[in-house]
């Protein structure tokens, strides 16, 4: 599966939403010692394991 290319606005929205999920107790999908939810969300997006998709017209 190829990595989808997101606009900077989509990236910001995805990372923000995932960071909020992590800070509210959602399981982290990568192995990392960090406790910073924003860092973890960005790493998940970079590794293409983030469970959020973008629908476009």
PDB file of N, CA and C in Angstrom:
ATOM      1  N   UNK A   1       0.852  -1.180   0.000  1.00  0.00           N
ATOM      2  CA  UNK A   1       0.000   0.000   0.000  1.00  0.00           C
ATOM      3  C   UNK A   1       0.890   1.234   0.000  1.00  0.00           C
ATOM      4  N   UNK A   2       0.626   2.158  -0.902  1.00  0.00           N
ATOM      5  CA  UNK A   2       1.450   3.360  -0.974  1.00  0.00           C
ATOM      6  C   UNK A   2       0.989   4.377   0.057  1.00  0.00           C
ATOM      7  N   UNK A   3       1.911   5.181   0.484  1.00  0.00           N
ATOM      8  CA  UNK A   3       1.626   6.207   1.478  1.00  0.00           C
ATOM      9  C   UNK A   3       0.861   7.348   0.826  1.00  0.00           C
ATOM     10  N   UNK A   4      -0.269   7.745   1.440  1.00  0.00           N
ATOM     11  CA  UNK A   4      -1.083   8.829   0.892  1.00  0.00           C
ATOM     12  C   UNK A   4      -0.411  10.167   1.175  1.00  0.00           C
ATOM     13  N   UNK A   5      -0.527  11.084   0.218  1.00  0.00           N
ATOM     14  CA  UNK A   5       0.038  12.416   0.377  1.00  0.00           C
ATOM     15  C   UNK A   5      -1.064  13.331   0.897  1.00  0.00           C
ATOM     16  N   UNK A   6      -0.809  13.959   2.039  1.00  0.00           N
ATOM     17  CA  UNK A   6      -1.775  14.848   2.664  1.00  0.00           C
ATOM     18  C   UNK A   6      -1.346  16.305   2.486  1.00  0.00           C
ATOM     19  N   UNK A   7      -2.332  17.198   2.432  1.00  0.00           N
ATOM     20  CA  UNK A   7      -2.017  18.621   2.445  1.00  0.00           C
ATOM     21  C   UNK A   7      -1.584  18.989   3.865  1.00  0.00           C
ATOM     22  N   UNK A   8      -1.006  20.155   4.034  1.00  0.00           N
ATOM     23  CA  UNK A   8      -0.566  20.556   5.369  1.00  0.00           C
ATOM     24  C   UNK A   8      -1.747  20.724   6.314  1.00  0.00           C
ATOM     25  N   UNK A   9      -2.917  21.066   5.775  1.00  0.00           N
ATOM     26  CA  UNK A   9      -4.112  21.224   6.599  1.00  0.00           C
ATOM     27  C   UNK A   9      -4.638  19.866   7.055  1.00  0.00           C
ATOM     28  N   UNK A  10      -4.600  18.895   6.161  1.00  0.00           N
ATOM     29  CA  UNK A  10      -5.010  17.535   6.523  1.00  0.00           C
ATOM     30  C   UNK A  10      -4.064  16.954   7.559  1.00  0.00           C
ATOM     31  N   UNK A  11      -2.762  17.156   7.358  1.00  0.00           N
ATOM     32  CA  UNK A  11      -1.779  16.659   8.333  1.00  0.00           C
ATOM     33  C   UNK A  11      -2.029  17.267   9.709  1.00  0.00           C
ATOM     34  N   UNK A  12      -2.270  18.579   9.755  1.00  0.00           N
ATOM     35  CA  UNK A  12      -2.499  19.252  11.025  1.00  0.00           C
ATOM     36  C   UNK A  12      -3.748  18.707  11.712  1.00  0.00           C
ATOM     37  N   UNK A  13      -4.795  18.491  10.955  1.00  0.00           N
ATOM     38  CA  UNK A  13      -6.044  17.989  11.525  1.00  0.00           C
ATOM     39  C   UNK A  13      -5.886  16.560  12.017  1.00  0.00           C
ATOM     40  N   UNK A  14      -5.224  15.718  11.244  1.00  0.00           N
ATOM     41  CA  UNK A  14      -5.020  14.320  11.619  1.00  0.00           C
ATOM     42  C   UNK A  14      -4.152  14.221  12.864  1.00  0.00           C
ATOM     43  N   UNK A  15      -3.033  14.922  12.872  1.00  0.00           N
ATOM     44  CA  UNK A  15      -2.121  14.871  14.017  1.00  0.00           C
ATOM     45  C   UNK A  15      -2.809  15.422  15.264  1.00  0.00           C
ATOM     46  N   UNK A  16      -3.556  16.504  15.115  1.00  0.00           N
ATOM     47  CA  UNK A  16      -4.262  17.075  16.258  1.00  0.00           C
ATOM     48  C   UNK A  16      -5.300  16.130  16.829  1.00  0.00           C
ATOM     49  N   UNK A  17      -6.071  15.498  15.951  1.00  0.00           N
ATOM     50  CA  UNK A  17      -7.096  14.559  16.404  1.00  0.00           C
ATOM     51  C   UNK A  17      -6.463  13.343  17.078  1.00  0.00           C
ATOM     52  N   UNK A  18      -5.402  12.817  16.478  1.00  0.00           N
ATOM     53  CA  UNK A  18      -4.743  11.632  17.053  1.00  0.00           C
ATOM     54  C   UNK A  18      -4.043  11.973  18.366  1.00  0.00           C
ATOM     55  N   UNK A  19      -3.461  13.154  18.449  1.00  0.00           N
ATOM     56  CA  UNK A  19      -2.815  13.584  19.680  1.00  0.00           C
ATOM     57  C   UNK A  19      -3.837  13.671  20.817  1.00  0.00           C
ATOM     58  N   UNK A  20      -5.012  14.182  20.521  1.00  0.00           N
ATOM     59  CA  UNK A  20      -6.075  14.254  21.524  1.00  0.00           C
ATOM     60  C   UNK A  20      -6.493  12.863  21.959  1.00  0.00           C
ATOM     61  N   UNK A  21      -6.622  11.950  21.010  1.00  0.00           N
ATOM     62  CA  UNK A  21      -6.978  10.570  21.353  1.00  0.00           C
ATOM     63  C   UNK A  21      -5.942   9.960  22.294  1.00  0.00           C
ATOM     64  N   UNK A  22      -4.667  10.150  21.968  1.00  0.00           N
ATOM     65  CA  UNK A  22      -3.592   9.581  22.794  1.00  0.00           C
ATOM     66  C   UNK A  22      -3.611  10.197  24.182  1.00  0.00           C
ATOM     67  N   UNK A  23      -3.806  11.509  24.265  1.00  0.00           N
ATOM     68  CA  UNK A  23      -3.813  12.171  25.569  1.00  0.00           C
ATOM     69  C   UNK A  23      -5.007  11.748  26.416  1.00  0.00           C
ATOM     70  N   UNK A  24      -6.075  11.273  25.769  1.00  0.00           N
ATOM     71  CA  UNK A  24      -7.258  10.808  26.497  1.00  0.00           C
ATOM     72  C   UNK A  24      -7.186   9.317  26.828  1.00  0.00           C
ATOM     73  N   UNK A  25      -6.055   8.672  26.504  1.00  0.00           N
ATOM     74  CA  UNK A  25      -5.849   7.291  26.917  1.00  0.00           C
ATOM     75  C   UNK A  25      -5.914   6.238  25.833  1.00  0.00           C
ATOM     76  N   UNK A  26      -6.015   6.635  24.567  1.00  0.00           N
ATOM     77  CA  UNK A  26      -6.032   5.658  23.473  1.00  0.00           C
ATOM     78  C   UNK A  26      -4.678   4.952  23.401  1.00  0.00           C
ATOM     79  N   UNK A  27      -4.664   3.695  22.985  1.00  0.00           N
ATOM     80  CA  UNK A  27      -3.389   2.982  22.890  1.00  0.00           C
ATOM     81  C   UNK A  27      -2.482   3.581  21.815  1.00  0.00           C
ATOM     82  N   UNK A  28      -1.198   3.615  22.101  1.00  0.00           N
ATOM     83  CA  UNK A  28      -0.199   4.118  21.156  1.00  0.00           C
ATOM     84  C   UNK A  28       0.198   2.963  20.248  1.00  0.00           C
ATOM     85  N   UNK A  29       0.294   3.210  18.949  1.00  0.00           N
ATOM     86  CA  UNK A  29       0.520   2.160  17.963  1.00  0.00           C
ATOM     87  C   UNK A  29       1.980   1.971  17.572  1.00  0.00           C
ATOM     88  N   UNK A  30       2.887   2.682  18.234  1.00  0.00           N
ATOM     89  CA  UNK A  30       4.313   2.541  17.953  1.00  0.00           C
ATOM     90  C   UNK A  30       5.045   2.294  19.270  1.00  0.00           C
ATOM     91  N   UNK A  31       6.232   1.715  19.185  1.00  0.00           N
ATOM     92  CA  UNK A  31       7.078   1.530  20.362  1.00  0.00           C
ATOM     93  C   UNK A  31       7.963   2.746  20.523  1.00  0.00           C
ATOM     94  N   UNK A  32       7.706   3.519  21.565  1.00  0.00           N
ATOM     95  CA  UNK A  32       8.487   4.714  21.836  1.00  0.00           C
ATOM     96  C   UNK A  32       8.365   5.042  23.311  1.00  0.00           C
ATOM     97  N   UNK A  33       9.421   5.529  23.897  1.00  0.00           N
ATOM     98  CA  UNK A  33       9.437   5.850  25.328  1.00  0.00           C
ATOM     99  C   UNK A  33       8.834   7.215  25.645  1.00  0.00           C
ATOM    100  N   UNK A  34       8.573   8.025  24.638  1.00  0.00           N
ATOM    101  CA  UNK A  34       8.066   9.376  24.839  1.00  0.00           C
ATOM    102  C   UNK A  34       6.665   9.354  25.436  1.00  0.00           C
ATOM    103  N   UNK A  35       6.346  10.385  26.201  1.00  0.00           N
ATOM    104  CA  UNK A  35       5.002  10.544  26.744  1.00  0.00           C
ATOM    105  C   UNK A  35       4.300  11.741  26.130  1.00  0.00           C
ATOM    106  N   UNK A  36       4.938  12.411  25.191  1.00  0.00           N
ATOM    107  CA  UNK A  36       4.374  13.579  24.519  1.00  0.00           C
ATOM    108  C   UNK A  36       3.406  13.123  23.431  1.00  0.00           C
ATOM    109  N   UNK A  37       2.119  13.395  23.627  1.00  0.00           N
ATOM    110  CA  UNK A  37       1.102  12.897  22.699  1.00  0.00           C
ATOM    111  C   UNK A  37       1.260  13.490  21.294  1.00  0.00           C
ATOM    112  N   UNK A  38       1.682  14.730  21.183  1.00  0.00           N
ATOM    113  CA  UNK A  38       1.869  15.355  19.873  1.00  0.00           C
ATOM    114  C   UNK A  38       3.008  14.673  19.112  1.00  0.00           C
ATOM    115  N   UNK A  39       4.115  14.429  19.800  1.00  0.00           N
ATOM    116  CA  UNK A  39       5.250  13.729  19.177  1.00  0.00           C
ATOM    117  C   UNK A  39       4.828  12.334  18.721  1.00  0.00           C
ATOM    118  N   UNK A  40       4.116  11.618  19.578  1.00  0.00           N
ATOM    119  CA  UNK A  40       3.691  10.262  19.241  1.00  0.00           C
ATOM    120  C   UNK A  40       2.751  10.265  18.031  1.00  0.00           C
ATOM    121  N   UNK A  41       1.832  11.226  17.973  1.00  0.00           N
ATOM    122  CA  UNK A  41       0.908  11.314  16.845  1.00  0.00           C
ATOM    123  C   UNK A  41       1.656  11.604  15.551  1.00  0.00           C
ATOM    124  N   UNK A  42       2.654  12.491  15.597  1.00  0.00           N
ATOM    125  CA  UNK A  42       3.435  12.786  14.390  1.00  0.00           C
ATOM    126  C   UNK A  42       4.236  11.567  13.944  1.00  0.00           C
ATOM    127  N   UNK A  43       4.787  10.835  14.894  1.00  0.00           N
ATOM    128  CA  UNK A  43       5.541   9.624  14.552  1.00  0.00           C
ATOM    129  C   UNK A  43       4.626   8.572  13.938  1.00  0.00           C
ATOM    130  N   UNK A  44       3.429   8.409  14.484  1.00  0.00           N
ATOM    131  CA  UNK A  44       2.479   7.454  13.916  1.00  0.00           C
ATOM    132  C   UNK A  44       2.131   7.833  12.483  1.00  0.00           C
ATOM    133  N   UNK A  45       1.917   9.113  12.225  1.00  0.00           N
ATOM    134  CA  UNK A  45       1.599   9.554  10.863  1.00  0.00           C
ATOM    135  C   UNK A  45       2.778   9.312   9.923  1.00  0.00           C
ATOM    136  N   UNK A  46       3.983   9.612  10.375  1.00  0.00           N
ATOM    137  CA  UNK A  46       5.179   9.399   9.545  1.00  0.00           C
ATOM    138  C   UNK A  46       5.395   7.919   9.237  1.00  0.00           C
ATOM    139  N   UNK A  47       5.063   7.051  10.178  1.00  0.00           N
ATOM    140  CA  UNK A  47       5.241   5.604   9.971  1.00  0.00           C
ATOM    141  C   UNK A  47       4.034   4.962   9.300  1.00  0.00           C
ATOM    142  N   UNK A  48       3.023   5.760   8.976  1.00  0.00           N
ATOM    143  CA  UNK A  48       1.837   5.298   8.255  1.00  0.00           C
ATOM    144  C   UNK A  48       1.060   4.224   9.017  1.00  0.00           C
ATOM    145  N   UNK A  49       0.952   4.377  10.331  1.00  0.00           N
ATOM    146  CA  UNK A  49       0.175   3.437  11.141  1.00  0.00           C
ATOM    147  C   UNK A  49      -1.024   4.105  11.803  1.00  0.00           C
ATOM    148  N   UNK A  50      -1.224   5.364  11.507  1.00  0.00           N
ATOM    149  CA  UNK A  50      -2.295   6.125  12.147  1.00  0.00           C
ATOM    150  C   UNK A  50      -3.663   5.644  11.616  1.00  0.00           C
ATOM    151  N   UNK A  51      -4.601   5.374  12.502  1.00  0.00           N
ATOM    152  CA  UNK A  51      -5.886   4.795  12.072  1.00  0.00           C
ATOM    153  C   UNK A  51      -6.921   5.856  11.673  1.00  0.00           C
ATOM    154  N   UNK A  52      -6.520   6.843  10.912  1.00  0.00           N
ATOM    155  CA  UNK A  52      -7.437   7.888  10.463  1.00  0.00           C
ATOM    156  C   UNK A  52      -7.268   8.040   8.962  1.00  0.00           C
ATOM    157  N   UNK A  53      -8.380   8.185   8.250  1.00  0.00           N
ATOM    158  CA  UNK A  53      -8.329   8.360   6.809  1.00  0.00           C
ATOM    159  C   UNK A  53      -8.963   9.697   6.423  1.00  0.00           C
ATOM    160  N   UNK A  54      -8.687  10.150   5.210  1.00  0.00           N
ATOM    161  CA  UNK A  54      -9.227  11.404   4.690  1.00  0.00           C
ATOM    162  C   UNK A  54     -10.095  11.064   3.487  1.00  0.00           C
ATOM    163  N   UNK A  55     -11.335  11.552   3.508  1.00  0.00           N
ATOM    164  CA  UNK A  55     -12.219  11.387   2.359  1.00  0.00           C
ATOM    165  C   UNK A  55     -12.188  12.668   1.547  1.00  0.00           C
ATOM    166  N   UNK A  56     -12.016  12.514   0.252  1.00  0.00           N
ATOM    167  CA  UNK A  56     -11.983  13.659  -0.648  1.00  0.00           C
ATOM    168  C   UNK A  56     -13.030  13.477  -1.736  1.00  0.00           C
ATOM    169  N   UNK A  57     -13.527  14.580  -2.250  1.00  0.00           N
ATOM    170  CA  UNK A  57     -14.503  14.514  -3.356  1.00  0.00           C
ATOM    171  C   UNK A  57     -13.815  14.254  -4.667  1.00  0.00           C
TER     172      UNK A  57
END
